[in-house]
N, C-alpha and C. Protein backbone atom coordinates (compact mmCIF):
# COMPACT_ATOMS: atom_id res chain seq x y z
N MET A 1 58.86 66.87 120.86
CA MET A 1 58.56 68.05 120.12
C MET A 1 58.27 68.99 120.80
N GLU A 2 58.76 70.05 120.44
CA GLU A 2 58.62 71.33 121.14
C GLU A 2 57.15 72.17 121.27
N PRO A 3 56.61 72.96 122.29
CA PRO A 3 55.46 73.24 122.55
C PRO A 3 55.44 74.22 121.36
N ALA A 4 54.46 74.60 121.01
CA ALA A 4 54.23 75.81 120.14
C ALA A 4 53.88 76.83 121.03
N GLY A 5 54.04 78.24 120.51
CA GLY A 5 53.82 79.61 121.57
C GLY A 5 55.23 80.52 121.77
N PRO A 6 55.01 81.24 122.11
CA PRO A 6 56.07 82.36 122.35
C PRO A 6 57.52 81.85 122.51
N VAL A 7 57.39 80.92 123.53
CA VAL A 7 58.80 80.45 124.09
C VAL A 7 59.57 79.71 122.82
N SER A 8 58.65 78.95 122.06
CA SER A 8 59.24 78.29 120.85
C SER A 8 59.47 78.88 119.85
N ARG A 9 58.76 80.00 119.41
CA ARG A 9 58.87 80.88 118.46
C ARG A 9 60.20 81.77 118.78
N LEU A 10 60.59 81.99 119.96
CA LEU A 10 61.67 82.87 120.40
C LEU A 10 63.24 81.87 120.56
N ARG A 11 62.96 80.76 120.37
CA ARG A 11 63.82 79.75 120.43
C ARG A 11 64.40 79.34 118.96
N ASN A 12 63.40 79.41 118.13
CA ASN A 12 63.54 79.15 116.64
C ASN A 12 64.21 80.59 116.01
N MET A 13 63.47 81.85 116.61
CA MET A 13 64.43 82.77 116.19
C MET A 13 65.73 82.98 116.51
N THR A 14 66.00 82.64 117.64
CA THR A 14 67.44 82.64 118.41
C THR A 14 68.36 82.15 117.37
N ARG A 15 68.04 80.59 116.98
CA ARG A 15 68.61 79.71 116.20
C ARG A 15 68.94 80.30 115.12
N LEU A 16 67.85 80.91 114.22
CA LEU A 16 68.20 81.41 113.20
C LEU A 16 68.76 82.68 113.26
N HIS A 17 68.62 83.61 114.04
CA HIS A 17 69.03 85.07 114.03
C HIS A 17 70.85 84.35 114.62
N GLY A 18 71.01 83.65 115.38
CA GLY A 18 72.26 83.22 115.56
C GLY A 18 73.32 82.46 114.19
N TRP A 19 72.61 82.14 113.55
CA TRP A 19 72.87 81.56 111.94
C TRP A 19 73.32 82.80 111.32
N THR A 20 72.19 83.87 111.28
CA THR A 20 72.65 84.90 110.74
C THR A 20 73.94 85.82 110.89
N ILE A 21 73.76 85.68 112.24
CA ILE A 21 75.16 86.45 112.69
C ILE A 21 76.13 85.93 112.40
N GLY A 22 76.19 84.38 112.80
CA GLY A 22 77.49 83.70 112.50
C GLY A 22 77.72 83.84 111.04
N ALA A 23 76.79 83.89 109.99
CA ALA A 23 77.30 84.02 108.65
C ALA A 23 77.56 85.20 108.23
N GLY A 24 77.07 86.38 109.14
CA GLY A 24 77.77 87.71 109.11
C GLY A 24 79.04 87.97 109.44
N ILE A 25 79.32 87.39 110.16
CA ILE A 25 80.81 87.50 110.85
C ILE A 25 81.92 86.60 109.70
N ILE A 26 81.02 85.55 109.30
CA ILE A 26 82.45 84.84 108.24
C ILE A 26 82.53 85.92 107.14
N ALA A 27 81.14 86.52 106.75
CA ALA A 27 81.41 87.38 105.70
C ALA A 27 82.26 88.54 105.92
N ALA A 28 81.78 88.96 107.06
CA ALA A 28 83.02 89.98 107.31
C ALA A 28 84.38 89.71 107.57
N GLY A 29 84.46 88.36 107.74
CA GLY A 29 85.88 88.18 107.85
C GLY A 29 86.47 88.16 106.75
N LEU A 30 85.85 87.34 105.69
CA LEU A 30 86.25 87.11 104.35
C LEU A 30 86.64 88.60 103.84
N ALA A 31 85.92 89.32 103.98
CA ALA A 31 85.88 90.84 103.65
C ALA A 31 87.06 91.28 103.91
N LEU A 32 87.30 91.37 105.25
CA LEU A 32 88.80 91.87 105.88
C LEU A 32 89.77 91.06 105.13
N GLY A 33 89.56 89.92 104.88
CA GLY A 33 91.10 89.28 104.40
C GLY A 33 91.19 89.40 102.77
N VAL A 34 90.17 89.75 102.51
CA VAL A 34 90.55 90.36 100.78
C VAL A 34 90.82 91.36 100.97
N VAL A 35 90.59 92.13 101.68
CA VAL A 35 90.99 93.81 101.67
C VAL A 35 92.28 93.75 102.38
N GLY A 36 92.50 93.05 103.31
CA GLY A 36 94.15 92.84 103.63
C GLY A 36 94.91 92.54 102.93
N CYS A 37 94.46 91.47 101.74
CA CYS A 37 95.27 90.88 100.73
C CYS A 37 95.64 92.01 99.58
N GLY A 38 95.09 93.23 99.71
CA GLY A 38 95.25 94.14 98.85
C GLY A 38 94.14 94.45 97.57
N ALA A 39 92.94 93.61 97.70
CA ALA A 39 91.83 93.50 96.80
C ALA A 39 91.10 94.88 96.88
N ALA A 40 90.88 95.60 95.69
CA ALA A 40 89.92 96.57 95.79
C ALA A 40 88.84 96.58 94.82
N THR A 41 87.85 97.26 95.02
CA THR A 41 86.54 97.11 94.17
C THR A 41 86.35 98.73 93.80
N VAL A 42 86.52 98.99 92.56
CA VAL A 42 86.46 100.41 92.25
C VAL A 42 85.42 100.86 91.47
N VAL A 43 84.70 101.71 92.04
CA VAL A 43 83.31 101.57 90.96
C VAL A 43 83.56 103.19 90.70
N GLY A 44 83.21 103.16 89.38
CA GLY A 44 83.30 104.06 88.42
C GLY A 44 82.32 104.83 87.92
N PRO A 45 82.38 105.83 87.13
CA PRO A 45 81.04 106.61 86.56
C PRO A 45 80.52 105.83 85.52
N ALA A 46 81.44 104.89 84.94
CA ALA A 46 81.02 104.09 83.88
C ALA A 46 79.87 103.12 84.21
N GLN A 47 79.93 102.73 85.68
CA GLN A 47 78.92 101.47 86.22
C GLN A 47 77.64 102.51 86.73
N ASP A 48 77.71 104.06 86.56
CA ASP A 48 76.45 104.36 86.78
C ASP A 48 75.84 104.99 85.37
N GLN A 49 76.38 104.70 84.36
CA GLN A 49 75.93 105.13 83.05
C GLN A 49 75.44 104.14 82.28
N ALA A 50 74.55 104.36 81.55
CA ALA A 50 74.58 103.12 80.27
C ALA A 50 75.91 102.71 79.53
N THR A 51 76.77 103.43 79.23
CA THR A 51 77.81 103.03 78.37
C THR A 51 78.77 102.16 79.41
N THR A 52 79.52 101.57 78.60
CA THR A 52 80.67 100.70 79.25
C THR A 52 82.24 101.36 79.10
N SER A 53 82.26 102.42 78.83
CA SER A 53 83.35 103.02 78.38
C SER A 53 83.76 103.67 79.17
N THR A 54 85.31 103.47 80.04
CA THR A 54 85.61 104.00 81.34
C THR A 54 86.99 105.08 80.90
N VAL A 55 87.37 105.03 79.56
CA VAL A 55 88.35 105.92 79.39
C VAL A 55 87.66 107.30 78.58
N SER A 56 87.69 107.96 79.62
CA SER A 56 87.13 109.60 79.30
C SER A 56 88.21 110.21 79.86
N LYS A 57 88.44 111.41 78.83
CA LYS A 57 89.48 112.37 79.25
C LYS A 57 88.46 113.92 79.15
N PRO A 58 88.02 114.02 80.20
CA PRO A 58 87.38 115.68 80.25
C PRO A 58 88.70 116.48 80.19
N SER A 59 88.57 117.63 79.72
CA SER A 59 89.61 118.55 80.12
C SER A 59 89.28 119.51 81.16
N GLY A 60 90.30 120.18 81.56
CA GLY A 60 89.64 121.65 82.29
C GLY A 60 89.59 121.00 83.83
N ARG A 61 90.20 120.14 84.40
CA ARG A 61 89.93 119.24 85.63
C ARG A 61 90.89 120.16 86.50
N ILE A 62 91.88 121.01 86.13
CA ILE A 62 92.69 121.89 86.94
C ILE A 62 91.98 123.13 86.47
N PRO A 63 91.58 123.92 87.39
CA PRO A 63 91.22 125.33 87.37
C PRO A 63 91.99 126.28 86.29
N ALA A 64 91.71 126.70 85.53
CA ALA A 64 92.53 127.75 84.56
C ALA A 64 92.93 128.89 85.57
N ALA A 65 92.66 129.20 86.51
CA ALA A 65 93.30 130.32 87.67
C ALA A 65 94.51 129.76 88.45
N ALA A 66 94.71 128.49 88.00
CA ALA A 66 96.25 128.13 88.60
C ALA A 66 97.35 128.62 88.00
N THR A 67 98.09 129.33 88.71
CA THR A 67 99.25 129.98 88.49
C THR A 67 100.46 129.45 88.85
N ALA A 68 100.54 128.86 89.82
CA ALA A 68 101.54 128.07 90.55
C ALA A 68 101.28 126.42 91.01
N VAL A 69 102.22 125.74 91.03
CA VAL A 69 102.02 124.23 91.46
C VAL A 69 103.09 124.20 92.49
N THR A 70 102.96 123.29 93.70
CA THR A 70 103.89 123.00 94.63
C THR A 70 103.68 121.13 94.59
N LEU A 71 105.37 120.84 94.15
CA LEU A 71 105.35 119.50 94.08
C LEU A 71 106.04 118.80 95.70
N THR A 72 105.05 117.72 96.10
CA THR A 72 105.41 117.24 97.37
C THR A 72 105.70 115.78 97.35
N MET A 73 106.92 115.20 97.57
CA MET A 73 107.15 113.57 97.68
C MET A 73 106.81 113.28 99.05
N LYS A 74 106.06 112.31 99.35
CA LYS A 74 105.84 111.71 100.64
C LYS A 74 106.34 110.29 100.50
N SER A 75 107.22 109.94 101.51
CA SER A 75 107.80 108.61 101.67
C SER A 75 106.75 107.73 102.33
N GLY A 76 106.71 106.69 101.90
CA GLY A 76 105.94 105.66 102.39
C GLY A 76 105.89 105.18 103.60
N LEU A 77 105.15 104.25 104.51
CA LEU A 77 105.70 103.56 105.52
C LEU A 77 106.86 102.60 105.92
N GLY A 78 107.51 103.19 106.82
CA GLY A 78 108.80 102.59 106.80
C GLY A 78 109.97 102.88 106.19
N ALA A 79 109.90 103.97 105.30
CA ALA A 79 111.09 104.68 104.85
C ALA A 79 111.72 105.17 105.87
N HIS A 80 113.01 104.98 105.10
CA HIS A 80 114.21 105.39 106.22
C HIS A 80 114.73 106.86 105.71
N ALA A 81 114.45 107.36 104.72
CA ALA A 81 114.70 108.74 104.12
C ALA A 81 113.79 109.46 104.13
N LYS A 82 113.88 110.85 104.47
CA LYS A 82 112.56 111.75 104.36
C LYS A 82 112.85 112.34 102.71
N GLY A 83 111.90 112.53 102.40
CA GLY A 83 111.56 113.10 100.85
C GLY A 83 112.37 114.35 100.66
N PRO A 84 112.39 114.70 99.71
CA PRO A 84 112.64 116.00 99.62
C PRO A 84 111.89 117.25 99.92
N ALA A 85 112.61 118.58 100.16
CA ALA A 85 111.62 119.73 100.36
C ALA A 85 110.57 120.05 99.28
N PRO A 86 109.41 120.54 99.69
CA PRO A 86 108.39 120.87 98.47
C PRO A 86 109.32 121.97 97.45
N VAL A 87 108.62 121.70 96.52
CA VAL A 87 108.99 123.01 95.64
C VAL A 87 107.85 123.49 94.79
N THR A 88 107.90 124.80 94.59
CA THR A 88 106.89 125.53 94.20
C THR A 88 107.40 126.20 92.78
N ILE A 89 106.65 125.71 91.97
CA ILE A 89 106.89 126.30 90.49
C ILE A 89 106.14 127.49 90.25
N THR A 90 106.09 128.85 89.41
CA THR A 90 105.52 129.74 89.09
C THR A 90 105.44 129.86 87.53
N ASN A 91 106.53 129.36 87.25
CA ASN A 91 106.65 129.44 85.37
C ASN A 91 105.32 128.93 84.71
N GLN A 92 104.62 129.72 83.93
CA GLN A 92 103.31 129.43 83.63
C GLN A 92 103.43 128.48 82.69
N ALA A 93 104.44 128.46 81.87
CA ALA A 93 104.40 127.17 80.60
C ALA A 93 104.61 125.98 81.46
N THR A 94 105.34 125.85 82.58
CA THR A 94 105.59 124.42 83.49
C THR A 94 104.28 124.18 84.08
N VAL A 95 103.99 125.16 84.68
CA VAL A 95 102.26 124.82 85.35
C VAL A 95 101.19 124.35 84.37
N GLY A 96 101.04 125.00 82.97
CA GLY A 96 100.41 124.64 81.99
C GLY A 96 100.50 123.13 81.86
N LYS A 97 101.86 122.88 81.67
CA LYS A 97 102.24 121.42 81.11
C LYS A 97 101.49 120.22 82.31
N LEU A 98 101.92 120.68 83.56
CA LEU A 98 101.99 119.79 84.75
C LEU A 98 99.98 119.87 85.02
N ALA A 99 99.32 120.70 84.28
CA ALA A 99 98.09 121.02 84.42
C ALA A 99 97.39 119.88 83.28
N ALA A 100 98.09 120.12 82.25
CA ALA A 100 97.89 119.24 81.10
C ALA A 100 97.86 117.96 81.36
N LEU A 101 99.30 117.56 81.98
CA LEU A 101 99.48 115.89 82.26
C LEU A 101 97.93 115.40 83.11
N ILE A 102 97.72 116.17 84.30
CA ILE A 102 96.55 115.63 85.09
C ILE A 102 95.23 115.76 84.37
N ASP A 103 94.75 116.63 83.51
CA ASP A 103 93.69 116.74 82.84
C ASP A 103 93.53 115.78 81.53
N GLY A 104 94.68 115.29 81.23
CA GLY A 104 94.56 114.27 80.01
C GLY A 104 94.71 113.01 80.48
N LEU A 105 94.52 112.66 81.71
CA LEU A 105 94.73 111.38 82.61
C LEU A 105 93.46 110.76 82.56
N PRO A 106 92.77 109.77 81.81
CA PRO A 106 91.71 108.82 81.66
C PRO A 106 91.26 108.63 83.05
N LEU A 107 89.78 108.63 83.24
CA LEU A 107 89.42 107.75 84.42
C LEU A 107 89.77 106.55 85.02
N PHE A 108 89.96 106.45 86.22
CA PHE A 108 90.36 105.23 86.47
C PHE A 108 89.59 104.21 86.28
N PRO A 109 89.71 103.01 85.65
CA PRO A 109 88.79 101.75 85.23
C PRO A 109 88.18 101.39 86.44
N SER A 110 86.54 101.02 86.27
CA SER A 110 86.05 100.60 87.35
C SER A 110 86.28 99.00 87.39
N GLY A 111 86.10 98.30 88.30
CA GLY A 111 86.32 96.82 88.53
C GLY A 111 86.85 96.58 89.81
N THR A 112 87.27 95.36 89.74
CA THR A 112 88.11 94.86 90.90
C THR A 112 89.55 94.58 90.68
N TYR A 113 90.18 95.15 91.71
CA TYR A 113 91.83 94.88 91.32
C TYR A 113 92.48 94.07 92.50
N ASN A 114 93.22 93.33 92.18
CA ASN A 114 94.28 92.78 93.13
C ASN A 114 95.61 93.44 93.20
N CYS A 115 95.38 94.56 93.97
CA CYS A 115 96.62 95.67 94.11
C CYS A 115 97.72 95.09 95.07
N PRO A 116 98.82 95.43 94.68
CA PRO A 116 99.97 95.24 95.64
C PRO A 116 100.06 96.33 97.01
N MET A 117 100.65 95.81 97.85
CA MET A 117 100.69 96.76 99.36
C MET A 117 100.74 98.10 98.81
N ASP A 118 99.89 99.07 99.28
CA ASP A 118 99.80 100.39 99.35
C ASP A 118 100.65 100.76 100.51
N ASP A 119 101.97 101.52 100.20
CA ASP A 119 102.62 102.04 101.42
C ASP A 119 102.17 103.38 101.92
N GLY A 120 101.46 103.90 100.99
CA GLY A 120 101.21 105.59 101.17
C GLY A 120 102.18 106.56 100.63
N SER A 121 103.20 106.07 99.91
CA SER A 121 104.11 106.69 99.18
C SER A 121 103.09 107.54 97.76
N SER A 122 103.33 108.89 97.42
CA SER A 122 103.10 109.53 96.72
C SER A 122 103.74 110.82 96.55
N LEU A 123 103.21 111.32 95.09
CA LEU A 123 103.76 112.96 94.72
C LEU A 123 102.37 113.73 94.71
N MET A 124 102.54 114.72 95.40
CA MET A 124 101.48 115.56 95.32
C MET A 124 101.49 116.66 94.80
N LEU A 125 100.83 117.12 93.77
CA LEU A 125 100.98 118.49 92.85
C LEU A 125 99.66 119.28 93.56
N THR A 126 100.06 120.45 93.92
CA THR A 126 98.78 121.39 94.73
C THR A 126 99.13 122.71 93.44
N PHE A 127 98.27 122.60 93.18
CA PHE A 127 97.71 123.80 91.97
C PHE A 127 97.21 125.16 92.87
N SER A 128 97.49 126.42 92.73
CA SER A 128 97.06 127.61 93.46
C SER A 128 97.07 128.73 92.58
N ALA A 129 96.41 129.65 93.03
CA ALA A 129 96.35 130.96 92.16
C ALA A 129 97.58 131.79 92.13
N GLY A 130 98.56 131.16 92.81
CA GLY A 130 99.78 132.15 93.20
C GLY A 130 100.62 131.19 94.45
N ARG A 131 101.95 131.59 94.46
CA ARG A 131 102.93 131.07 95.64
C ARG A 131 102.17 131.43 97.00
N GLY A 132 102.14 130.31 97.62
CA GLY A 132 101.32 130.61 99.09
C GLY A 132 99.96 130.66 99.23
N GLY A 133 99.17 130.66 97.58
CA GLY A 133 97.88 130.83 97.87
C GLY A 133 97.13 129.50 98.34
N PRO A 134 95.69 129.55 98.53
CA PRO A 134 94.79 128.51 98.71
C PRO A 134 95.10 127.92 97.36
N ALA A 135 94.88 126.04 97.85
CA ALA A 135 94.87 125.05 96.90
C ALA A 135 93.46 125.19 96.16
N LEU A 136 93.40 125.07 94.76
CA LEU A 136 92.38 125.08 93.81
C LEU A 136 92.47 124.01 93.43
N ALA A 137 93.21 123.12 93.48
CA ALA A 137 93.37 121.39 93.26
C ALA A 137 94.25 120.77 93.59
N THR A 138 94.41 119.67 94.29
CA THR A 138 95.33 118.91 94.86
C THR A 138 95.23 117.35 93.83
N ALA A 139 96.36 117.09 93.11
CA ALA A 139 96.50 115.87 92.43
C ALA A 139 97.12 114.93 93.19
N THR A 140 96.81 113.73 94.08
CA THR A 140 97.81 112.89 94.43
C THR A 140 98.30 111.47 93.54
N VAL A 141 99.52 111.71 93.36
CA VAL A 141 99.69 110.30 92.54
C VAL A 141 100.20 109.19 93.62
N ALA A 142 99.39 108.37 93.51
CA ALA A 142 100.28 107.08 94.22
C ALA A 142 101.20 106.46 93.67
N LEU A 143 102.20 106.06 94.46
CA LEU A 143 103.41 105.34 93.81
C LEU A 143 103.48 103.93 94.39
N SER A 144 102.23 103.53 94.79
CA SER A 144 102.61 102.04 95.43
C SER A 144 100.93 101.80 95.43
N GLY A 145 100.49 100.22 95.70
CA GLY A 145 99.08 99.87 95.33
C GLY A 145 98.64 99.82 94.19
N CYS A 146 97.68 100.26 93.67
CA CYS A 146 97.00 100.22 92.38
C CYS A 146 97.63 101.52 91.43
N GLN A 147 97.96 102.49 92.47
CA GLN A 147 98.94 103.54 91.86
C GLN A 147 97.76 104.73 90.64
N GLY A 148 96.63 104.59 91.45
CA GLY A 148 95.89 105.80 90.43
C GLY A 148 96.01 107.18 91.08
N VAL A 149 95.67 108.44 90.79
CA VAL A 149 95.39 109.76 91.02
C VAL A 149 94.15 110.05 91.55
N ASP A 150 94.33 110.62 92.95
CA ASP A 150 93.35 111.33 93.46
C ASP A 150 93.51 112.50 93.19
N LEU A 151 92.21 113.29 92.81
CA LEU A 151 91.92 114.46 92.59
C LEU A 151 91.08 115.27 93.19
N THR A 152 91.41 116.20 94.17
CA THR A 152 90.24 117.28 94.75
C THR A 152 90.54 118.76 93.97
N THR A 153 89.22 119.15 94.02
CA THR A 153 89.31 120.46 93.47
C THR A 153 88.15 121.25 94.14
N SER A 154 88.74 122.45 94.57
CA SER A 154 87.49 123.33 95.51
C SER A 154 87.31 122.57 96.55
N GLY A 155 87.91 121.41 97.24
CA GLY A 155 87.61 120.72 98.30
C GLY A 155 86.87 119.83 98.07
N LYS A 156 86.47 119.51 97.11
CA LYS A 156 85.71 118.12 96.61
C LYS A 156 86.40 117.20 95.83
N GLN A 157 86.05 115.96 96.34
CA GLN A 157 86.96 114.96 95.90
C GLN A 157 86.30 114.45 94.60
N GLN A 158 87.16 114.43 93.51
CA GLN A 158 86.50 114.17 92.05
C GLN A 158 87.12 112.80 91.95
N PRO A 159 86.33 112.04 90.71
CA PRO A 159 86.59 110.53 90.22
C PRO A 159 88.05 110.10 89.92
N GLY A 160 88.14 109.30 90.62
CA GLY A 160 89.75 108.70 90.26
C GLY A 160 90.34 108.80 89.14
N LEU A 161 91.68 108.79 88.62
CA LEU A 161 92.18 108.94 87.48
C LEU A 161 93.25 108.18 87.21
N GLY A 162 93.81 108.17 86.08
CA GLY A 162 94.90 107.30 85.75
C GLY A 162 94.78 105.63 85.50
N THR A 163 95.54 104.74 85.31
CA THR A 163 95.52 103.62 85.44
C THR A 163 95.83 102.75 86.33
N PRO A 164 95.79 101.47 86.63
CA PRO A 164 96.06 100.65 87.62
C PRO A 164 97.73 100.48 87.11
N ASP A 165 98.93 100.81 88.03
CA ASP A 165 100.30 100.56 87.56
C ASP A 165 100.88 101.68 86.71
N GLY A 166 99.77 102.81 86.82
CA GLY A 166 100.52 103.98 86.20
C GLY A 166 100.79 105.24 86.91
N GLY A 167 100.69 105.03 88.20
CA GLY A 167 101.23 106.19 88.73
C GLY A 167 102.64 106.73 88.99
N ARG A 168 103.53 105.51 89.05
CA ARG A 168 104.86 105.90 88.99
C ARG A 168 105.13 106.62 87.75
N PRO A 169 104.61 105.93 86.40
CA PRO A 169 105.12 106.56 85.13
C PRO A 169 104.44 108.00 85.21
N ASP A 170 103.51 108.46 85.89
CA ASP A 170 102.46 109.77 85.57
C ASP A 170 103.56 110.58 86.68
N ALA A 171 103.84 110.03 87.81
CA ALA A 171 104.81 110.90 88.60
C ALA A 171 105.92 110.99 87.75
N ALA A 172 106.77 109.93 87.29
CA ALA A 172 107.98 110.21 86.66
C ALA A 172 107.92 111.56 85.43
N GLN A 173 106.69 111.25 84.90
CA GLN A 173 106.26 112.33 83.78
C GLN A 173 106.20 113.82 84.50
N ALA A 174 105.47 113.96 85.47
CA ALA A 174 105.51 115.06 86.40
C ALA A 174 106.84 115.84 86.74
N LEU A 175 107.67 114.91 87.24
CA LEU A 175 108.87 115.26 87.79
C LEU A 175 109.65 115.85 86.57
N LYS A 176 109.65 115.36 85.44
CA LYS A 176 110.76 115.63 84.16
C LYS A 176 110.32 117.17 83.73
N LEU A 177 108.67 117.20 83.83
CA LEU A 177 108.17 118.68 83.14
C LEU A 177 108.62 119.46 84.20
N ALA A 178 108.62 119.29 85.55
CA ALA A 178 109.07 120.10 86.68
C ALA A 178 110.40 120.71 86.45
N GLY A 179 111.16 119.62 85.66
CA GLY A 179 112.63 120.14 85.86
C GLY A 179 113.27 119.32 87.13
N LEU A 180 112.60 118.62 87.85
CA LEU A 180 113.02 118.00 89.34
C LEU A 180 113.78 116.53 88.94
N HIS A 181 114.84 116.58 89.67
CA HIS A 181 115.72 115.07 89.44
C HIS A 181 115.27 114.36 90.69
N TRP A 182 113.97 114.12 91.11
CA TRP A 182 114.05 113.49 92.51
C TRP A 182 113.86 112.01 92.42
N ASN A 183 114.20 111.01 93.30
CA ASN A 183 114.50 109.65 93.25
C ASN A 183 112.74 109.56 94.14
N MET A 184 112.23 108.61 93.25
CA MET A 184 110.91 108.44 93.87
C MET A 184 111.18 106.91 94.99
N PRO A 185 110.17 107.26 96.12
CA PRO A 185 110.50 105.92 97.32
C PRO A 185 110.25 104.48 96.39
N ARG A 186 110.87 103.49 97.03
CA ARG A 186 110.90 102.37 96.13
C ARG A 186 109.41 101.62 96.92
């Protein structure tokens, strides 16, 4: 039996502390392993509200002042070919249709997803108040992984949009509306 006192308490605290550290390391390793395998937990606005609905389509995400949109295709990791040169569109009907496409996307559903590998390939739509003007909103459509849409307006990140596996169809629709015949990275 160990004597009571500061030394004994220190030994017991060290043992307990060692167990806590060990458990923390194991938990961190498991978390890294899950993330490395492509799992993602998405916390959406629905988890912060009393309702459970995650399909919300607020309009007006893209500012009405947008009169131009630049489309940029980004190839993913390990891509051998460079993407096409960015294209800026100033036709108001086309800009409006592309804005409506982004405005019409639902909020990305909250939950845990086991996503395929995300290589970083994407289609960016940068809305501005004119050719070469500052970005009013940027929608980045992921073409791999869980394929959601990230939206930034006035420099502020907005809640995620789209649906799991919806990025490629959303990007194909954007390219069609823009009249571009680009091949998406595989």
